[in-house]
PDB file of N, CA and C in Angstrom:
ATOM      1  N   MET A   1      58.006 -33.873   9.411  1.00  0.00           N
ATOM      2  CA  MET A   1      57.113 -33.396  10.531  1.00  0.00           C
ATOM      3  C   MET A   1      56.716 -31.848   9.293  1.00  0.00           C
ATOM      4  N   PRO A   2      55.771 -31.228   8.971  1.00  0.00           N
ATOM      5  CA  PRO A   2      55.388 -30.195   8.018  1.00  0.00           C
ATOM      6  C   PRO A   2      55.429 -29.265   9.202  1.00  0.00           C
ATOM      7  N   TYR A   3      56.334 -28.015   8.331  1.00  0.00           N
ATOM      8  CA  TYR A   3      56.201 -27.181   9.225  1.00  0.00           C
ATOM      9  C   TYR A   3      55.151 -26.255   9.667  1.00  0.00           C
ATOM     10  N   ARG A   4      54.781 -26.078  10.732  1.00  0.00           N
ATOM     11  CA  ARG A   4      53.334 -25.159  11.191  1.00  0.00           C
ATOM     12  C   ARG A   4      53.692 -23.519  11.720  1.00  0.00           C
ATOM     13  N   PHE A   5      52.502 -22.679  11.489  1.00  0.00           N
ATOM     14  CA  PHE A   5      52.987 -21.322  11.935  1.00  0.00           C
ATOM     15  C   PHE A   5      51.226 -20.703  11.954  1.00  0.00           C
ATOM     16  N   THR A   6      51.550 -19.622  12.772  1.00  0.00           N
ATOM     17  CA  THR A   6      50.654 -19.473  13.090  1.00  0.00           C
ATOM     18  C   THR A   6      50.045 -18.170  13.152  1.00  0.00           C
ATOM     19  N   THR A   7      48.836 -17.295  13.117  1.00  0.00           N
ATOM     20  CA  THR A   7      48.513 -15.997  12.313  1.00  0.00           C
ATOM     21  C   THR A   7      49.976 -14.970  12.724  1.00  0.00           C
ATOM     22  N   GLY A   8      50.136 -15.421  14.182  1.00  0.00           N
ATOM     23  CA  GLY A   8      51.029 -13.770  14.553  1.00  0.00           C
ATOM     24  C   GLY A   8      52.772 -14.977  13.867  1.00  0.00           C
ATOM     25  N   HIS A   9      53.002 -15.635  13.572  1.00  0.00           N
ATOM     26  CA  HIS A   9      54.443 -15.907  13.154  1.00  0.00           C
ATOM     27  C   HIS A   9      54.237 -15.032  11.442  1.00  0.00           C
ATOM     28  N   ILE A  10      52.957 -15.492  11.204  1.00  0.00           N
ATOM     29  CA  ILE A  10      53.203 -14.781   9.838  1.00  0.00           C
ATOM     30  C   ILE A  10      53.020 -13.257   9.651  1.00  0.00           C
ATOM     31  N   LYS A  11      52.610 -12.606  10.629  1.00  0.00           N
ATOM     32  CA  LYS A  11      52.599 -11.530  10.877  1.00  0.00           C
ATOM     33  C   LYS A  11      53.432 -11.075  11.533  1.00  0.00           C
ATOM     34  N   THR A  12      54.663 -11.503  11.976  1.00  0.00           N
ATOM     35  CA  THR A  12      55.899 -11.108  12.120  1.00  0.00           C
ATOM     36  C   THR A  12      56.751 -11.059  10.781  1.00  0.00           C
ATOM     37  N   ILE A  13      56.869 -11.677  10.382  1.00  0.00           N
ATOM     38  CA  ILE A  13      57.455 -12.627   8.900  1.00  0.00           C
ATOM     39  C   ILE A  13      57.461 -11.196   7.688  1.00  0.00           C
ATOM     40  N   ALA A  14      55.715 -11.237   7.806  1.00  0.00           N
ATOM     41  CA  ALA A  14      55.255  -9.979   6.732  1.00  0.00           C
ATOM     42  C   ALA A  14      55.837  -8.672   7.519  1.00  0.00           C
ATOM     43  N   LYS A  15      56.332  -8.446   8.819  1.00  0.00           N
ATOM     44  CA  LYS A  15      56.191  -7.143   9.090  1.00  0.00           C
ATOM     45  C   LYS A  15      57.491  -6.527   9.351  1.00  0.00           C
ATOM     46  N   ARG A  16      58.608  -8.158   9.626  1.00  0.00           N
ATOM     47  CA  ARG A  16      59.660  -8.230   8.929  1.00  0.00           C
ATOM     48  C   ARG A  16      60.394  -8.401   7.280  1.00  0.00           C
ATOM     49  N   LEU A  17      59.334  -8.206   6.695  1.00  0.00           N
ATOM     50  CA  LEU A  17      59.658  -7.682   5.359  1.00  0.00           C
ATOM     51  C   LEU A  17      59.384  -6.687   4.591  1.00  0.00           C
ATOM     52  N   GLY A  18      58.616  -6.034   5.763  1.00  0.00           N
ATOM     53  CA  GLY A  18      58.470  -4.860   5.357  1.00  0.00           C
ATOM     54  C   GLY A  18      56.921  -4.662   4.708  1.00  0.00           C
ATOM     55  N   LEU A  19      56.446  -5.199   5.027  1.00  0.00           N
ATOM     56  CA  LEU A  19      54.958  -5.164   4.229  1.00  0.00           C
ATOM     57  C   LEU A  19      54.450  -4.322   5.218  1.00  0.00           C
ATOM     58  N   GLN A  20      53.035  -3.902   4.559  1.00  0.00           N
ATOM     59  CA  GLN A  20      52.087  -2.957   5.827  1.00  0.00           C
ATOM     60  C   GLN A  20      51.153  -3.824   5.571  1.00  0.00           C
ATOM     61  N   LYS A  21      49.737  -3.313   6.610  1.00  0.00           N
ATOM     62  CA  LYS A  21      48.506  -4.271   6.427  1.00  0.00           C
ATOM     63  C   LYS A  21      48.137  -2.306   5.916  1.00  0.00           C
ATOM     64  N   ILE A  22      47.522  -3.027   4.962  1.00  0.00           N
ATOM     65  CA  ILE A  22      46.285  -2.312   4.223  1.00  0.00           C
ATOM     66  C   ILE A  22      44.887  -2.213   4.346  1.00  0.00           C
ATOM     67  N   ASN A  23      44.423  -3.248   4.605  1.00  0.00           N
ATOM     68  CA  ASN A  23      42.721  -3.090   5.387  1.00  0.00           C
ATOM     69  C   ASN A  23      42.406  -4.484   6.242  1.00  0.00           C
ATOM     70  N   ALA A  24      41.800  -4.593   6.759  1.00  0.00           N
ATOM     71  CA  ALA A  24      41.737  -6.304   7.582  1.00  0.00           C
ATOM     72  C   ALA A  24      42.760  -7.372   7.292  1.00  0.00           C
ATOM     73  N   LYS A  25      42.664  -7.819   5.827  1.00  0.00           N
ATOM     74  CA  LYS A  25      42.961  -8.767   5.549  1.00  0.00           C
ATOM     75  C   LYS A  25      44.300  -8.906   4.679  1.00  0.00           C
ATOM     76  N   LYS A  26      44.871  -7.760   3.740  1.00  0.00           N
ATOM     77  CA  LYS A  26      45.481  -7.350   2.758  1.00  0.00           C
ATOM     78  C   LYS A  26      46.927  -6.362   2.996  1.00  0.00           C
ATOM     79  N   TRP A  27      48.165  -7.105   3.381  1.00  0.00           N
ATOM     80  CA  TRP A  27      49.397  -6.938   3.220  1.00  0.00           C
ATOM     81  C   TRP A  27      49.897  -6.476   2.511  1.00  0.00           C
ATOM     82  N   ASN A  28      50.877  -5.304   1.891  1.00  0.00           N
ATOM     83  CA  ASN A  28      51.424  -4.996   0.865  1.00  0.00           C
ATOM     84  C   ASN A  28      52.702  -4.362   1.304  1.00  0.00           C
ATOM     85  N   GLY A  29      53.888  -4.794   0.438  1.00  0.00           N
ATOM     86  CA  GLY A  29      55.047  -3.639   0.525  1.00  0.00           C
ATOM     87  C   GLY A  29      56.029  -4.490  -0.533  1.00  0.00           C
ATOM     88  N   ALA A  30      57.129  -3.714  -0.252  1.00  0.00           N
ATOM     89  CA  ALA A  30      58.321  -3.967  -1.442  1.00  0.00           C
ATOM     90  C   ALA A  30      59.466  -4.124  -0.966  1.00  0.00           C
ATOM     91  N   ASP A  31      60.376  -4.776  -1.198  1.00  0.00           N
ATOM     92  CA  ASP A  31      61.944  -5.036  -0.270  1.00  0.00           C
ATOM     93  C   ASP A  31      62.912  -3.529  -1.387  1.00  0.00           C
ATOM     94  N   ILE A  32      63.969  -3.705  -1.272  1.00  0.00           N
ATOM     95  CA  ILE A  32      65.206  -2.507  -1.378  1.00  0.00           C
ATOM     96  C   ILE A  32      65.366  -2.759  -2.970  1.00  0.00           C
ATOM     97  N   GLU A  33      65.453  -4.357  -3.077  1.00  0.00           N
ATOM     98  CA  GLU A  33      65.469  -4.879  -4.694  1.00  0.00           C
ATOM     99  C   GLU A  33      63.992  -3.744  -5.933  1.00  0.00           C
ATOM    100  N   GLY A  34      62.868  -3.663  -5.352  1.00  0.00           N
ATOM    101  CA  GLY A  34      61.879  -3.375  -5.749  1.00  0.00           C
ATOM    102  C   GLY A  34      60.772  -3.848  -6.315  1.00  0.00           C
ATOM    103  N   HIS A  35      60.899  -5.659  -5.542  1.00  0.00           N
ATOM    104  CA  HIS A  35      60.250  -6.236  -5.962  1.00  0.00           C
ATOM    105  C   HIS A  35      59.105  -6.387  -4.905  1.00  0.00           C
ATOM    106  N   PHE A  36      57.542  -6.558  -5.175  1.00  0.00           N
ATOM    107  CA  PHE A  36      56.207  -6.045  -4.871  1.00  0.00           C
ATOM    108  C   PHE A  36      55.267  -7.455  -4.427  1.00  0.00           C
ATOM    109  N   TRP A  37      56.009  -7.456  -2.492  1.00  0.00           N
ATOM    110  CA  TRP A  37      55.002  -8.558  -2.080  1.00  0.00           C
ATOM    111  C   TRP A  37      53.748  -8.423  -1.833  1.00  0.00           C
ATOM    112  N   GLN A  38      52.593  -9.532  -1.679  1.00  0.00           N
ATOM    113  CA  GLN A  38      51.346  -9.073  -1.253  1.00  0.00           C
ATOM    114  C   GLN A  38      50.961 -10.376  -0.832  1.00  0.00           C
ATOM    115  N   THR A  39      50.236 -10.364   0.315  1.00  0.00           N
ATOM    116  CA  THR A  39      49.767 -11.538   0.882  1.00  0.00           C
ATOM    117  C   THR A  39      48.263 -10.876   1.527  1.00  0.00           C
ATOM    118  N   TYR A  40      47.742 -12.002   1.700  1.00  0.00           N
ATOM    119  CA  TYR A  40      46.368 -11.726   2.657  1.00  0.00           C
ATOM    120  C   TYR A  40      46.320 -13.085   4.312  1.00  0.00           C
ATOM    121  N   ILE A  41      46.220 -12.216   5.581  1.00  0.00           N
ATOM    122  CA  ILE A  41      46.412 -12.723   6.622  1.00  0.00           C
ATOM    123  C   ILE A  41      44.683 -12.203   7.060  1.00  0.00           C
ATOM    124  N   HIS A  42      44.462 -13.636   7.001  1.00  0.00           N
ATOM    125  CA  HIS A  42      42.434 -13.691   8.068  1.00  0.00           C
ATOM    126  C   HIS A  42      43.123 -13.929   9.625  1.00  0.00           C
ATOM    127  N   ASP A  43      42.947 -12.933  10.085  1.00  0.00           N
ATOM    128  CA  ASP A  43      43.138 -12.628  11.636  1.00  0.00           C
ATOM    129  C   ASP A  43      42.262 -13.376  12.483  1.00  0.00           C
ATOM    130  N   HIS A  44      42.812 -14.454  12.876  1.00  0.00           N
ATOM    131  CA  HIS A  44      41.313 -15.169  13.641  1.00  0.00           C
ATOM    132  C   HIS A  44      42.207 -15.131  15.581  1.00  0.00           C
ATOM    133  N   GLY A  45      43.261 -14.424  15.765  1.00  0.00           N
ATOM    134  CA  GLY A  45      43.991 -14.182  16.618  1.00  0.00           C
ATOM    135  C   GLY A  45      45.116 -15.355  16.370  1.00  0.00           C
ATOM    136  N   ASP A  46      46.539 -14.208  17.379  1.00  0.00           N
ATOM    137  CA  ASP A  46      48.265 -14.937  16.921  1.00  0.00           C
ATOM    138  C   ASP A  46      48.450 -15.839  16.914  1.00  0.00           C
ATOM    139  N   GLY A  47      47.758 -17.072  17.648  1.00  0.00           N
ATOM    140  CA  GLY A  47      47.907 -18.239  18.352  1.00  0.00           C
ATOM    141  C   GLY A  47      47.694 -18.992  17.705  1.00  0.00           C
ATOM    142  N   THR A  48      46.315 -18.606  16.722  1.00  0.00           N
ATOM    143  CA  THR A  48      45.542 -19.639  15.968  1.00  0.00           C
ATOM    144  C   THR A  48      46.794 -20.104  14.458  1.00  0.00           C
ATOM    145  N   GLN A  49      46.792 -21.491  14.743  1.00  0.00           N
ATOM    146  CA  GLN A  49      47.213 -22.335  13.344  1.00  0.00           C
ATOM    147  C   GLN A  49      46.733 -21.973  12.216  1.00  0.00           C
ATOM    148  N   ILE A  50      47.830 -21.767  11.389  1.00  0.00           N
ATOM    149  CA  ILE A  50      47.282 -22.017  10.115  1.00  0.00           C
ATOM    150  C   ILE A  50      47.269 -23.438   8.701  1.00  0.00           C
ATOM    151  N   LEU A  51      46.652 -23.479   8.466  1.00  0.00           N
ATOM    152  CA  LEU A  51      46.359 -24.601   7.643  1.00  0.00           C
ATOM    153  C   LEU A  51      47.592 -24.507   6.858  1.00  0.00           C
ATOM    154  N   PRO A  52      48.920 -25.950   6.520  1.00  0.00           N
ATOM    155  CA  PRO A  52      49.729 -26.294   6.042  1.00  0.00           C
ATOM    156  C   PRO A  52      49.564 -25.259   4.266  1.00  0.00           C
ATOM    157  N   GLY A  53      48.393 -25.522   3.409  1.00  0.00           N
ATOM    158  CA  GLY A  53      48.357 -25.204   2.357  1.00  0.00           C
ATOM    159  C   GLY A  53      48.182 -23.742   2.374  1.00  0.00           C
ATOM    160  N   THR A  54      47.098 -23.263   3.354  1.00  0.00           N
ATOM    161  CA  THR A  54      47.860 -21.720   3.401  1.00  0.00           C
ATOM    162  C   THR A  54      48.411 -20.911   3.631  1.00  0.00           C
ATOM    163  N   ALA A  55      50.079 -21.810   4.462  1.00  0.00           N
ATOM    164  CA  ALA A  55      51.004 -21.437   4.442  1.00  0.00           C
ATOM    165  C   ALA A  55      51.895 -21.181   3.572  1.00  0.00           C
ATOM    166  N   LYS A  56      51.871 -22.166   2.550  1.00  0.00           N
ATOM    167  CA  LYS A  56      52.518 -22.788   1.614  1.00  0.00           C
ATOM    168  C   LYS A  56      52.395 -21.786   0.742  1.00  0.00           C
ATOM    169  N   GLN A  57      50.977 -21.058   0.416  1.00  0.00           N
ATOM    170  CA  GLN A  57      50.648 -20.046  -0.543  1.00  0.00           C
ATOM    171  C   GLN A  57      50.796 -18.180   0.356  1.00  0.00           C
ATOM    172  N   GLN A  58      50.967 -18.132   1.144  1.00  0.00           N
ATOM    173  CA  GLN A  58      51.479 -17.442   2.204  1.00  0.00           C
ATOM    174  C   GLN A  58      53.637 -17.287   1.545  1.00  0.00           C
ATOM    175  N   ALA A  59      53.992 -17.949   2.004  1.00  0.00           N
ATOM    176  CA  ALA A  59      55.297 -18.288   1.539  1.00  0.00           C
ATOM    177  C   ALA A  59      56.025 -17.850   0.044  1.00  0.00           C
ATOM    178  N   LYS A  60      55.029 -18.200  -0.612  1.00  0.00           N
ATOM    179  CA  LYS A  60      54.632 -18.361  -2.122  1.00  0.00           C
ATOM    180  C   LYS A  60      54.646 -16.455  -2.459  1.00  0.00           C
ATOM    181  N   GLN A  61      54.051 -16.169  -1.932  1.00  0.00           N
ATOM    182  CA  GLN A  61      53.475 -14.725  -2.006  1.00  0.00           C
ATOM    183  C   GLN A  61      54.459 -13.620  -1.137  1.00  0.00           C
ATOM    184  N   MET A  62      55.366 -14.307  -0.518  1.00  0.00           N
ATOM    185  CA  MET A  62      56.255 -13.153   0.065  1.00  0.00           C
ATOM    186  C   MET A  62      57.356 -13.391  -0.458  1.00  0.00           C
ATOM    187  N   GLY A  63      57.497 -14.582  -1.769  1.00  0.00           N
ATOM    188  CA  GLY A  63      58.815 -14.523  -2.008  1.00  0.00           C
ATOM    189  C   GLY A  63      59.636 -15.765  -1.383  1.00  0.00           C
ATOM    190  N   PHE A  64      59.601 -16.709  -1.084  1.00  0.00           N
ATOM    191  CA  PHE A  64      59.901 -17.412  -0.250  1.00  0.00           C
ATOM    192  C   PHE A  64      59.984 -18.779  -1.293  1.00  0.00           C
ATOM    193  N   LYS A  65      60.892 -19.664  -1.169  1.00  0.00           N
ATOM    194  CA  LYS A  65      61.119 -21.138  -1.329  1.00  0.00           C
ATOM    195  C   LYS A  65      60.021 -22.114  -1.560  1.00  0.00           C
ATOM    196  N   ASP A  66      60.127 -21.839  -0.464  1.00  0.00           N
ATOM    197  CA  ASP A  66      59.079 -23.127   0.268  1.00  0.00           C
ATOM    198  C   ASP A  66      59.213 -22.757   1.804  1.00  0.00           C
ATOM    199  N   LEU A  67      58.124 -23.556   2.423  1.00  0.00           N
ATOM    200  CA  LEU A  67      57.798 -23.674   3.976  1.00  0.00           C
ATOM    201  C   LEU A  67      59.450 -23.693   4.931  1.00  0.00           C
ATOM    202  N   GLU A  68      60.078 -24.345   4.516  1.00  0.00           N
ATOM    203  CA  GLU A  68      61.629 -24.238   4.992  1.00  0.00           C
ATOM    204  C   GLU A  68      62.170 -23.071   5.398  1.00  0.00           C
ATOM    205  N   ASP A  69      61.934 -22.545   3.862  1.00  0.00           N
ATOM    206  CA  ASP A  69      62.776 -21.391   3.824  1.00  0.00           C
ATOM    207  C   ASP A  69      62.091 -20.391   4.756  1.00  0.00           C
ATOM    208  N   MET A  70      60.706 -20.295   4.677  1.00  0.00           N
ATOM    209  CA  MET A  70      60.106 -18.644   5.935  1.00  0.00           C
ATOM    210  C   MET A  70      60.623 -19.617   7.270  1.00  0.00           C
ATOM    211  N   TYR A  71      60.145 -20.808   6.875  1.00  0.00           N
ATOM    212  CA  TYR A  71      60.717 -20.811   8.735  1.00  0.00           C
ATOM    213  C   TYR A  71      61.682 -20.542   9.135  1.00  0.00           C
ATOM    214  N   ASP A  72      63.114 -20.678   8.944  1.00  0.00           N
ATOM    215  CA  ASP A  72      64.214 -20.318   8.930  1.00  0.00           C
ATOM    216  C   ASP A  72      64.434 -18.515   8.550  1.00  0.00           C
ATOM    217  N   PHE A  73      63.746 -18.422   7.916  1.00  0.00           N
ATOM    218  CA  PHE A  73      63.790 -16.384   7.971  1.00  0.00           C
ATOM    219  C   PHE A  73      62.781 -16.266  10.021  1.00  0.00           C
ATOM    220  N   LEU A  74      62.501 -17.219  10.195  1.00  0.00           N
ATOM    221  CA  LEU A  74      60.966 -16.899  10.937  1.00  0.00           C
ATOM    222  C   LEU A  74      62.429 -16.766  12.523  1.00  0.00           C
ATOM    223  N   VAL A  75      62.801 -18.371  12.248  1.00  0.00           N
ATOM    224  CA  VAL A  75      63.909 -18.510  13.617  1.00  0.00           C
ATOM    225  C   VAL A  75      64.992 -17.836  13.923  1.00  0.00           C
ATOM    226  N   ASN A  76      65.489 -17.617  12.648  1.00  0.00           N
ATOM    227  CA  ASN A  76      66.826 -16.509  12.418  1.00  0.00           C
ATOM    228  C   ASN A  76      66.247 -15.120  12.606  1.00  0.00           C
ATOM    229  N   SER A  77      66.630 -14.926  13.455  1.00  0.00           N
ATOM    230  CA  SER A  77      66.251 -13.141  12.893  1.00  0.00           C
ATOM    231  C   SER A  77      67.257 -12.241  12.553  1.00  0.00           C
ATOM    232  N   LYS A  78      68.107 -12.561  12.034  1.00  0.00           N
ATOM    233  CA  LYS A  78      69.133 -11.829  11.877  1.00  0.00           C
ATOM    234  C   LYS A  78      69.414 -12.211   9.948  1.00  0.00           C
ATOM    235  N   LYS A  79      68.476 -13.436   9.919  1.00  0.00           N
ATOM    236  CA  LYS A  79      68.400 -13.452   8.270  1.00  0.00           C
ATOM    237  C   LYS A  79      67.752 -12.641   7.326  1.00  0.00           C
ATOM    238  N   LYS A  80      68.222 -12.129   5.951  1.00  0.00           N
ATOM    239  CA  LYS A  80      67.516 -11.002   5.508  1.00  0.00           C
ATOM    240  C   LYS A  80      67.665 -11.883   4.581  1.00  0.00           C
ATOM    241  N   ARG A  81      66.428 -11.754   2.961  1.00  0.00           N
ATOM    242  CA  ARG A  81      65.771 -11.101   2.002  1.00  0.00           C
ATOM    243  C   ARG A  81      66.505 -10.806   0.811  1.00  0.00           C
TER     244      ARG A  81
END
């Protein structure tokens, strides 16, 4: 079964990574090692499911290996990047 994410999940992940909302869709930030991360979140409500291909692209943009890595980060609040 594929991993499913909602807009709210992606925003939570982005905030935990230290990304900040720049405009209506763009989120930017950098980690403590100086890696720059940027993703686009089309906000249609926190409960709206994101297509798997879009979630995969967002995972790549935020530095995750794959959707499983991003899901593990979401469910394990103690996990660090």
